Amino acid sequence: MKPNPIFNLKRFNALIGSGFNKKGNNILAIFQWILVTLFIVTAFSIFIKSQDVELQTMRAIMIRFYQISYVLVLAMPALGGMSRDDDKIKLWRMLPASLFEKTLYFYLRSFVWFSILFFAAQFLIDRLFWSAMADINTDTSAYRIGLKEIFTGRLFP
């Protein structure tokens, strides 16, 4: 039986393995970005709390912040491809996979993997932000932002 020249599952699995094990994919760097973002959001929430902003207004600002951040996270792979490192490009082209498999890997990594990382970070940041904004007498659980608000833009609970 002749293997399919367009898509072969074994080749695609090998491509995923080589793609995630590249030098540029450092899990520690991802966690550093998440920690820096958590620190910035915490400092921002302390500043906002001292300014006495309404929670509805703050929720609308955070929804827009998450929407813009999500677009930027999805645009990062395209912007990262603009840096031309000839050695990396040559190595990527020499991998034994079809153009369809390489394109499919790129889209899965860009949309699925980065979306999972973004929404995990968004969940943590949102919980941290609203717990920092909560007073003793205020319940902020109604102001937490989920996936529905990010995709539909609903500003009010």
Protein backbone atom coordinates (compact mmCIF):
# COMPACT_ATOMS: atom_id res chain seq x y z
CA MET A 1 0.00 0.00 0.00
CA LYS A 2 1.42 3.37 -1.05
CA PRO A 3 1.44 6.17 1.61
CA ASN A 4 -0.62 9.28 0.98
CA PRO A 5 1.67 12.10 -0.26
CA ILE A 6 -0.61 14.84 1.09
CA PHE A 7 -1.38 13.69 4.63
CA ASN A 8 0.16 10.88 6.65
CA LEU A 9 -0.66 10.64 10.36
CA LYS A 10 2.79 9.30 11.31
CA ARG A 11 4.51 12.15 9.49
CA PHE A 12 2.14 14.67 11.07
CA ASN A 13 2.82 13.31 14.58
CA ALA A 14 6.55 13.55 13.92
CA LEU A 15 6.05 17.12 12.71
CA ILE A 16 4.14 18.03 15.87
CA GLY A 17 6.91 16.52 17.98
CA SER A 18 9.62 18.40 16.14
CA GLY A 19 7.55 21.60 16.13
CA PHE A 20 6.99 21.65 19.89
CA ASN A 21 10.58 20.69 20.64
CA LYS A 22 12.06 23.57 18.66
CA LYS A 23 14.47 25.86 20.43
CA GLY A 24 12.01 28.79 20.38
CA ASN A 25 9.22 26.98 22.25
CA ASN A 26 10.29 27.42 25.84
CA ILE A 27 7.66 26.61 28.46
CA LEU A 28 9.53 28.68 31.06
CA ALA A 29 9.26 31.75 28.84
CA ILE A 30 5.50 31.25 28.59
CA PHE A 31 5.19 31.02 32.37
CA GLN A 32 7.36 34.12 32.75
CA TRP A 33 5.00 36.06 30.50
CA ILE A 34 2.03 34.83 32.54
CA LEU A 35 3.70 35.85 35.81
CA VAL A 36 4.63 39.28 34.46
CA THR A 37 1.05 39.76 33.24
CA LEU A 38 -0.31 38.69 36.63
CA PHE A 39 1.99 41.19 38.34
CA ILE A 40 0.91 44.00 36.00
CA VAL A 41 -2.78 43.21 36.47
CA THR A 42 -2.36 43.10 40.23
CA ALA A 43 -0.61 46.47 40.24
CA PHE A 44 -3.30 47.82 37.89
CA SER A 45 -6.09 46.55 40.16
CA ILE A 46 -4.51 48.15 43.22
CA PHE A 47 -4.24 51.45 41.33
CA ILE A 48 -7.85 51.25 40.09
CA LYS A 49 -9.09 50.37 43.56
CA SER A 50 -7.51 53.53 44.92
CA GLN A 51 -9.22 55.60 42.16
CA ASP A 52 -12.74 54.42 43.10
CA VAL A 53 -13.97 53.33 39.64
CA GLU A 54 -17.37 51.65 39.29
CA LEU A 55 -17.24 47.88 38.87
CA GLN A 56 -19.43 47.92 35.73
CA THR A 57 -17.06 50.36 34.05
CA MET A 58 -14.08 48.28 35.12
CA ARG A 59 -15.73 45.14 33.77
CA ALA A 60 -16.30 46.83 30.38
CA ILE A 61 -12.65 47.90 30.27
CA MET A 62 -11.45 44.39 31.13
CA ILE A 63 -13.64 42.81 28.43
CA ARG A 64 -12.13 45.13 25.82
CA PHE A 65 -8.65 44.43 27.20
CA TYR A 66 -9.18 40.67 26.86
CA GLN A 67 -10.60 41.03 23.33
CA ILE A 68 -7.67 43.11 22.11
CA SER A 69 -5.20 40.80 23.86
CA TYR A 70 -6.74 37.74 22.20
CA VAL A 71 -6.41 39.30 18.74
CA LEU A 72 -2.77 40.16 19.46
CA VAL A 73 -2.04 36.64 20.73
CA LEU A 74 -3.47 35.16 17.53
CA ALA A 75 -1.45 37.64 15.45
CA MET A 76 1.86 36.82 17.18
CA PRO A 77 2.69 33.78 15.00
CA ALA A 78 2.29 35.83 11.84
CA LEU A 79 4.38 38.65 13.26
CA GLY A 80 6.96 36.17 14.52
CA GLY A 81 7.28 34.76 11.02
CA MET A 82 8.48 38.15 9.83
CA SER A 83 11.86 37.64 11.46
CA ARG A 84 13.81 35.80 8.80
CA ASP A 85 16.26 33.35 10.24
CA ASP A 86 17.50 31.50 7.17
CA ASP A 87 18.75 28.49 9.14
CA LYS A 88 15.37 27.93 10.82
CA ILE A 89 13.55 28.32 7.51
CA LYS A 90 15.88 25.80 5.82
CA LEU A 91 15.44 23.30 8.66
CA TRP A 92 11.64 23.72 8.56
CA ARG A 93 11.57 23.15 4.79
CA MET A 94 13.74 20.06 5.09
CA LEU A 95 11.40 18.30 7.50
CA PRO A 96 9.87 15.21 5.89
CA ALA A 97 6.28 16.44 5.72
CA SER A 98 4.00 17.77 3.03
CA LEU A 99 3.11 21.43 2.70
CA PHE A 100 -0.44 20.60 3.83
CA GLU A 101 0.85 19.00 7.05
CA LYS A 102 3.12 21.97 7.78
CA THR A 103 0.28 24.42 7.17
CA LEU A 104 -2.11 22.37 9.30
CA TYR A 105 0.46 22.28 12.11
CA PHE A 106 0.90 26.06 11.88
CA TYR A 107 -2.86 26.69 12.14
CA LEU A 108 -3.36 24.20 14.97
CA ARG A 109 -0.49 25.72 16.90
CA SER A 110 -1.64 29.28 16.23
CA PHE A 111 -5.34 28.90 16.89
CA VAL A 112 -5.73 25.92 19.20
CA TRP A 113 -2.55 25.94 21.32
CA PHE A 114 -2.31 29.73 21.69
CA SER A 115 -6.06 29.94 22.42
CA ILE A 116 -5.75 27.35 25.18
CA LEU A 117 -2.81 29.22 26.70
CA PHE A 118 -4.57 32.57 26.38
CA PHE A 119 -7.80 31.44 28.02
CA ALA A 120 -5.95 29.67 30.84
CA ALA A 121 -4.02 32.88 31.51
CA GLN A 122 -7.20 34.95 31.14
CA PHE A 123 -9.00 32.77 33.69
CA LEU A 124 -6.16 33.20 36.20
CA ILE A 125 -5.79 36.92 35.56
CA ASP A 126 -9.53 37.54 35.81
CA ARG A 127 -9.84 35.65 39.11
CA LEU A 128 -6.83 37.43 40.53
CA PHE A 129 -8.04 40.84 39.35
CA TRP A 130 -11.54 40.53 40.78
CA SER A 131 -10.30 39.05 44.04
CA ALA A 132 -7.99 42.05 44.40
CA MET A 133 -10.88 44.41 43.60
CA ALA A 134 -13.21 42.84 46.16
CA ASP A 135 -13.92 44.60 49.41
CA ILE A 136 -15.27 42.95 52.49
CA ASN A 137 -18.82 44.05 51.63
CA THR A 138 -18.66 43.51 47.85
CA ASP A 139 -19.26 40.25 46.00
CA THR A 140 -17.41 40.45 42.67
CA SER A 141 -18.28 36.97 41.41
CA ALA A 142 -21.00 38.46 39.15
CA TYR A 143 -18.37 40.61 37.41
CA ARG A 144 -16.06 37.78 36.39
CA ILE A 145 -15.52 37.53 32.66
CA GLY A 146 -15.90 34.28 30.77
CA LEU A 147 -15.56 33.13 27.18
CA LYS A 148 -19.07 34.25 26.29
CA GLU A 149 -18.35 37.86 27.20
CA ILE A 150 -15.06 37.87 25.31
CA PHE A 151 -16.60 36.56 22.09
CA THR A 152 -19.93 38.38 22.22
CA GLY A 153 -18.80 41.60 23.89
CA ARG A 154 -21.63 41.54 26.45
CA LEU A 155 -20.69 44.22 28.92
CA PHE A 156 -23.32 43.63 31.60
CA PRO A 157 -24.02 40.40 33.51
